[in-house]
């Protein structure tokens, strides 16, 4: 028989997993896997958006996308950990995002 807390965890809404994962809270293994999949989806969406902005020739949109993801990562330590472990962080635009997050961290220090 399945324990009630197991069922509750299984049906935990993606938004709750996303919030907890981004905040860097400890997640159960199955929720950690869900958070990793949600993170990869976010990073893939970033790549698709960058590609679209390049095709449309909109350099300002590319800059805004890089800045937007950098700010998001800066404010979400769990998402930043997923980013650093992903292959997305190593591509051309990924390195720009990572560099900007480092700048944001440095600006936070007194």
N, C-alpha and C. Protein backbone atom coordinates (compact mmCIF):
# COMPACT_ATOMS: atom_id res chain seq x y z
N UNK A 1 0.84 -1.18 0.00
CA UNK A 1 0.00 0.00 0.00
C UNK A 1 0.89 1.24 0.00
N UNK A 2 0.51 2.22 -0.74
CA UNK A 2 1.26 3.46 -0.84
C UNK A 2 0.94 4.36 0.35
N UNK A 3 1.99 4.91 0.92
CA UNK A 3 1.82 5.83 2.05
C UNK A 3 1.21 7.15 1.55
N UNK A 4 0.35 7.79 2.36
CA UNK A 4 -0.27 9.05 1.93
C UNK A 4 0.75 10.13 1.57
N UNK A 5 1.87 10.20 2.32
CA UNK A 5 2.87 11.23 1.99
C UNK A 5 3.56 10.95 0.66
N UNK A 6 3.67 9.65 0.29
CA UNK A 6 4.23 9.30 -1.02
C UNK A 6 3.30 9.78 -2.13
N UNK A 7 2.00 9.57 -1.94
CA UNK A 7 1.03 10.03 -2.94
C UNK A 7 1.04 11.55 -3.04
N UNK A 8 1.11 12.21 -1.89
CA UNK A 8 1.12 13.67 -1.89
C UNK A 8 2.35 14.19 -2.64
N UNK A 9 3.49 13.59 -2.41
CA UNK A 9 4.71 13.99 -3.09
C UNK A 9 4.61 13.72 -4.59
N UNK A 10 4.02 12.58 -4.95
CA UNK A 10 3.88 12.23 -6.36
C UNK A 10 3.05 13.26 -7.10
N UNK A 11 2.04 13.75 -6.45
CA UNK A 11 1.13 14.70 -7.11
C UNK A 11 1.44 16.15 -6.79
N UNK A 12 2.58 16.39 -6.18
CA UNK A 12 2.96 17.76 -5.87
C UNK A 12 3.02 18.56 -7.17
N UNK A 13 2.33 19.68 -7.21
CA UNK A 13 2.30 20.47 -8.44
C UNK A 13 3.70 20.91 -8.88
N UNK A 14 3.86 20.97 -10.19
CA UNK A 14 5.15 21.38 -10.75
C UNK A 14 5.56 22.76 -10.24
N UNK A 15 4.61 23.64 -10.03
CA UNK A 15 4.93 24.99 -9.56
C UNK A 15 5.58 24.93 -8.17
N UNK A 16 5.10 24.03 -7.32
CA UNK A 16 5.69 23.89 -5.98
C UNK A 16 7.11 23.34 -6.07
N UNK A 17 7.29 22.37 -6.95
CA UNK A 17 8.62 21.79 -7.14
C UNK A 17 9.57 22.85 -7.71
N UNK A 18 9.09 23.62 -8.66
CA UNK A 18 9.89 24.69 -9.27
C UNK A 18 10.31 25.71 -8.22
N UNK A 19 9.35 26.17 -7.40
CA UNK A 19 9.65 27.17 -6.39
C UNK A 19 10.68 26.63 -5.39
N UNK A 20 10.46 25.42 -4.90
CA UNK A 20 11.37 24.84 -3.91
C UNK A 20 12.75 24.58 -4.52
N UNK A 21 12.78 24.06 -5.72
CA UNK A 21 14.05 23.78 -6.38
C UNK A 21 14.84 25.05 -6.66
N UNK A 22 14.16 26.07 -7.16
CA UNK A 22 14.84 27.34 -7.43
C UNK A 22 15.41 27.96 -6.17
N UNK A 23 14.67 27.80 -5.07
CA UNK A 23 15.13 28.35 -3.79
C UNK A 23 16.29 27.57 -3.21
N UNK A 24 16.59 26.41 -3.80
CA UNK A 24 17.70 25.60 -3.31
C UNK A 24 17.30 24.70 -2.15
N UNK A 25 16.00 24.52 -1.94
CA UNK A 25 15.54 23.63 -0.88
C UNK A 25 15.88 22.19 -1.24
N UNK A 26 16.04 21.36 -0.23
CA UNK A 26 16.31 19.95 -0.45
C UNK A 26 15.05 19.28 -0.98
N UNK A 27 15.18 18.58 -2.09
CA UNK A 27 14.05 17.89 -2.71
C UNK A 27 14.23 16.39 -2.60
N UNK A 28 13.12 15.67 -2.49
CA UNK A 28 13.17 14.21 -2.56
C UNK A 28 13.66 13.83 -3.95
N UNK A 29 14.25 12.64 -4.07
CA UNK A 29 14.84 12.22 -5.35
C UNK A 29 13.89 12.39 -6.52
N UNK A 30 12.64 11.92 -6.38
CA UNK A 30 11.72 12.00 -7.52
C UNK A 30 11.41 13.46 -7.87
N UNK A 31 11.34 14.32 -6.86
CA UNK A 31 11.09 15.74 -7.14
C UNK A 31 12.34 16.42 -7.68
N UNK A 32 13.50 15.95 -7.26
CA UNK A 32 14.75 16.48 -7.80
C UNK A 32 14.84 16.18 -9.29
N UNK A 33 14.42 14.99 -9.68
CA UNK A 33 14.41 14.63 -11.10
C UNK A 33 13.42 15.50 -11.88
N UNK A 34 12.27 15.76 -11.27
CA UNK A 34 11.29 16.64 -11.91
C UNK A 34 11.85 18.06 -12.04
N UNK A 35 12.52 18.53 -10.99
CA UNK A 35 13.10 19.87 -11.04
C UNK A 35 14.19 19.95 -12.11
N UNK A 36 14.99 18.92 -12.21
CA UNK A 36 16.04 18.90 -13.24
C UNK A 36 15.41 18.97 -14.63
N UNK A 37 14.31 18.24 -14.84
CA UNK A 37 13.63 18.26 -16.14
C UNK A 37 13.01 19.63 -16.40
N UNK A 38 12.42 20.23 -15.39
CA UNK A 38 11.86 21.57 -15.56
C UNK A 38 12.96 22.59 -15.87
N UNK A 39 14.09 22.45 -15.22
CA UNK A 39 15.23 23.35 -15.45
C UNK A 39 15.73 23.22 -16.88
N UNK A 40 15.89 21.99 -17.33
CA UNK A 40 16.35 21.75 -18.71
C UNK A 40 15.37 22.36 -19.70
N UNK A 41 14.10 22.26 -19.41
CA UNK A 41 13.09 22.86 -20.28
C UNK A 41 13.25 24.38 -20.32
N UNK A 42 13.52 24.97 -19.17
CA UNK A 42 13.74 26.43 -19.10
C UNK A 42 14.96 26.82 -19.92
N UNK A 43 16.03 26.07 -19.81
CA UNK A 43 17.26 26.39 -20.53
C UNK A 43 17.08 26.18 -22.03
N UNK A 44 16.33 25.15 -22.39
CA UNK A 44 16.05 24.90 -23.81
C UNK A 44 15.20 26.03 -24.38
N UNK A 45 14.24 26.50 -23.62
CA UNK A 45 13.42 27.63 -24.06
C UNK A 45 14.29 28.86 -24.27
N UNK A 46 15.26 29.07 -23.40
CA UNK A 46 16.20 30.18 -23.56
C UNK A 46 16.94 30.05 -24.89
N UNK A 47 17.44 28.86 -25.17
CA UNK A 47 18.16 28.65 -26.43
C UNK A 47 17.28 28.90 -27.64
N UNK A 48 16.06 28.40 -27.60
CA UNK A 48 15.13 28.62 -28.71
C UNK A 48 14.83 30.11 -28.90
N UNK A 49 14.67 30.81 -27.80
CA UNK A 49 14.40 32.24 -27.86
C UNK A 49 15.59 33.00 -28.44
N UNK A 50 16.79 32.61 -28.05
CA UNK A 50 18.00 33.24 -28.59
C UNK A 50 18.08 33.00 -30.09
N UNK A 51 17.84 31.77 -30.51
CA UNK A 51 17.88 31.45 -31.94
C UNK A 51 16.87 32.28 -32.70
N UNK A 52 15.68 32.40 -32.18
CA UNK A 52 14.64 33.20 -32.85
C UNK A 52 15.06 34.67 -32.93
N UNK A 53 15.61 35.19 -31.84
CA UNK A 53 16.05 36.58 -31.83
C UNK A 53 17.17 36.82 -32.83
N UNK A 54 18.06 35.85 -32.98
CA UNK A 54 19.14 35.97 -33.97
C UNK A 54 18.58 35.98 -35.39
N UNK A 55 17.64 35.10 -35.65
CA UNK A 55 17.04 35.02 -36.98
C UNK A 55 16.32 36.31 -37.32
N UNK A 56 15.64 36.88 -36.35
CA UNK A 56 14.90 38.12 -36.60
C UNK A 56 15.83 39.33 -36.58
N UNK A 57 17.11 39.10 -36.25
CA UNK A 57 18.09 40.18 -36.28
C UNK A 57 17.91 41.18 -35.15
N UNK A 58 17.38 40.74 -34.05
CA UNK A 58 17.11 41.65 -32.96
C UNK A 58 18.16 41.51 -31.85
N UNK A 59 19.24 42.27 -31.96
CA UNK A 59 20.32 42.22 -30.98
C UNK A 59 19.89 42.64 -29.60
N UNK A 60 18.98 43.61 -29.52
CA UNK A 60 18.50 44.05 -28.22
C UNK A 60 17.72 42.95 -27.51
N UNK A 61 16.99 42.15 -28.30
CA UNK A 61 16.24 41.03 -27.73
C UNK A 61 17.21 39.98 -27.19
N UNK A 62 18.30 39.71 -27.91
CA UNK A 62 19.30 38.76 -27.45
C UNK A 62 19.88 39.23 -26.11
N UNK A 63 20.23 40.51 -26.04
CA UNK A 63 20.77 41.07 -24.80
C UNK A 63 19.77 40.95 -23.66
N UNK A 64 18.51 41.21 -23.95
CA UNK A 64 17.47 41.14 -22.92
C UNK A 64 17.28 39.70 -22.44
N UNK A 65 17.34 38.74 -23.35
CA UNK A 65 17.21 37.34 -22.97
C UNK A 65 18.37 36.90 -22.08
N UNK A 66 19.58 37.30 -22.44
CA UNK A 66 20.76 36.97 -21.63
C UNK A 66 20.63 37.58 -20.25
N UNK A 67 20.28 38.84 -20.20
CA UNK A 67 20.14 39.52 -18.91
C UNK A 67 19.01 38.90 -18.08
N UNK A 68 17.90 38.59 -18.73
CA UNK A 68 16.77 38.00 -18.01
C UNK A 68 17.12 36.68 -17.35
N UNK A 69 17.80 35.81 -18.10
CA UNK A 69 18.18 34.52 -17.52
C UNK A 69 19.24 34.72 -16.43
N UNK A 70 20.17 35.63 -16.64
CA UNK A 70 21.20 35.87 -15.63
C UNK A 70 20.58 36.35 -14.32
N UNK A 71 19.63 37.25 -14.40
CA UNK A 71 18.95 37.74 -13.19
C UNK A 71 18.17 36.60 -12.53
N UNK A 72 17.49 35.80 -13.35
CA UNK A 72 16.75 34.65 -12.81
C UNK A 72 17.68 33.69 -12.08
N UNK A 73 18.81 33.37 -12.68
CA UNK A 73 19.78 32.47 -12.05
C UNK A 73 20.36 33.08 -10.78
N UNK A 74 20.62 34.37 -10.83
CA UNK A 74 21.20 35.07 -9.69
C UNK A 74 20.28 35.01 -8.47
N UNK A 75 18.99 35.03 -8.71
CA UNK A 75 18.03 35.03 -7.60
C UNK A 75 17.54 33.64 -7.23
N UNK A 76 18.01 32.62 -7.94
CA UNK A 76 17.55 31.25 -7.70
C UNK A 76 18.74 30.30 -7.61
N UNK A 77 19.27 30.11 -6.42
CA UNK A 77 20.48 29.29 -6.27
C UNK A 77 20.33 27.84 -6.75
N UNK A 78 19.16 27.27 -6.58
CA UNK A 78 18.96 25.89 -7.05
C UNK A 78 18.96 25.81 -8.56
N UNK A 79 18.37 26.80 -9.21
CA UNK A 79 18.38 26.85 -10.67
C UNK A 79 19.79 27.11 -11.18
N UNK A 80 20.54 27.95 -10.47
CA UNK A 80 21.92 28.22 -10.84
C UNK A 80 22.76 26.94 -10.79
N UNK A 81 22.53 26.12 -9.79
CA UNK A 81 23.26 24.86 -9.68
C UNK A 81 22.95 23.95 -10.88
N UNK A 82 21.69 23.92 -11.28
CA UNK A 82 21.31 23.13 -12.46
C UNK A 82 21.97 23.70 -13.71
N UNK A 83 22.01 25.00 -13.83
CA UNK A 83 22.63 25.68 -14.97
C UNK A 83 24.11 25.31 -15.06
N UNK A 84 24.80 25.41 -13.95
CA UNK A 84 26.23 25.14 -13.94
C UNK A 84 26.54 23.69 -14.31
N UNK A 85 25.63 22.78 -13.98
CA UNK A 85 25.84 21.37 -14.28
C UNK A 85 25.40 21.00 -15.70
N UNK A 86 24.77 21.92 -16.39
CA UNK A 86 24.21 21.61 -17.72
C UNK A 86 25.18 21.98 -18.83
N UNK A 87 24.94 21.38 -19.98
CA UNK A 87 25.72 21.72 -21.17
C UNK A 87 25.33 23.08 -21.73
N UNK A 88 24.18 23.58 -21.34
CA UNK A 88 23.70 24.88 -21.84
C UNK A 88 24.64 26.01 -21.41
N UNK A 89 25.22 25.88 -20.24
CA UNK A 89 26.08 26.95 -19.73
C UNK A 89 27.39 27.08 -20.50
N UNK A 90 27.74 26.06 -21.27
CA UNK A 90 29.02 26.08 -21.97
C UNK A 90 28.97 26.61 -23.39
N UNK A 91 27.77 26.88 -23.91
CA UNK A 91 27.73 27.40 -25.28
C UNK A 91 28.00 28.91 -25.26
N UNK A 92 28.07 29.51 -26.43
CA UNK A 92 28.43 30.92 -26.54
C UNK A 92 27.55 31.82 -25.68
N UNK A 93 26.24 31.69 -25.81
CA UNK A 93 25.36 32.55 -25.03
C UNK A 93 25.31 32.12 -23.58
N UNK A 94 25.51 30.85 -23.32
CA UNK A 94 25.56 30.35 -21.96
C UNK A 94 26.71 30.96 -21.18
N UNK A 95 27.87 31.07 -21.81
CA UNK A 95 29.02 31.67 -21.12
C UNK A 95 28.76 33.15 -20.84
N UNK A 96 28.01 33.80 -21.71
CA UNK A 96 27.65 35.21 -21.48
C UNK A 96 26.71 35.33 -20.28
N UNK A 97 25.76 34.41 -20.19
CA UNK A 97 24.85 34.39 -19.05
C UNK A 97 25.63 34.17 -17.76
N UNK A 98 26.52 33.19 -17.76
CA UNK A 98 27.31 32.87 -16.58
C UNK A 98 28.19 34.05 -16.17
N UNK A 99 28.80 34.71 -17.13
CA UNK A 99 29.63 35.88 -16.82
C UNK A 99 28.80 37.00 -16.21
N UNK A 100 27.60 37.20 -16.72
CA UNK A 100 26.75 38.25 -16.17
C UNK A 100 26.28 37.91 -14.76
N UNK A 101 26.03 36.63 -14.48
CA UNK A 101 25.64 36.26 -13.11
C UNK A 101 26.80 36.52 -12.15
N UNK A 102 28.02 36.29 -12.61
CA UNK A 102 29.19 36.58 -11.77
C UNK A 102 29.28 38.08 -11.48
N UNK A 103 28.98 38.89 -12.48
CA UNK A 103 28.98 40.35 -12.30
C UNK A 103 27.90 40.76 -11.29
N UNK A 104 26.72 40.15 -11.41
CA UNK A 104 25.64 40.45 -10.48
C UNK A 104 26.01 40.06 -9.05
N UNK A 105 26.65 38.91 -8.88
CA UNK A 105 27.09 38.47 -7.55
C UNK A 105 28.11 39.44 -6.98
N UNK A 106 29.04 39.87 -7.81
CA UNK A 106 30.07 40.80 -7.35
C UNK A 106 29.45 42.13 -6.93
N UNK A 107 28.43 42.56 -7.64
CA UNK A 107 27.77 43.82 -7.32
C UNK A 107 27.01 43.74 -5.99
N UNK A 108 26.62 42.54 -5.58
CA UNK A 108 25.91 42.36 -4.33
C UNK A 108 26.83 42.46 -3.12
N UNK A 109 28.12 42.21 -3.33
CA UNK A 109 29.06 42.21 -2.21
C UNK A 109 29.39 43.65 -1.81
N UNK A 110 29.41 43.88 -0.48
CA UNK A 110 29.71 45.24 0.01
C UNK A 110 31.15 45.65 -0.21
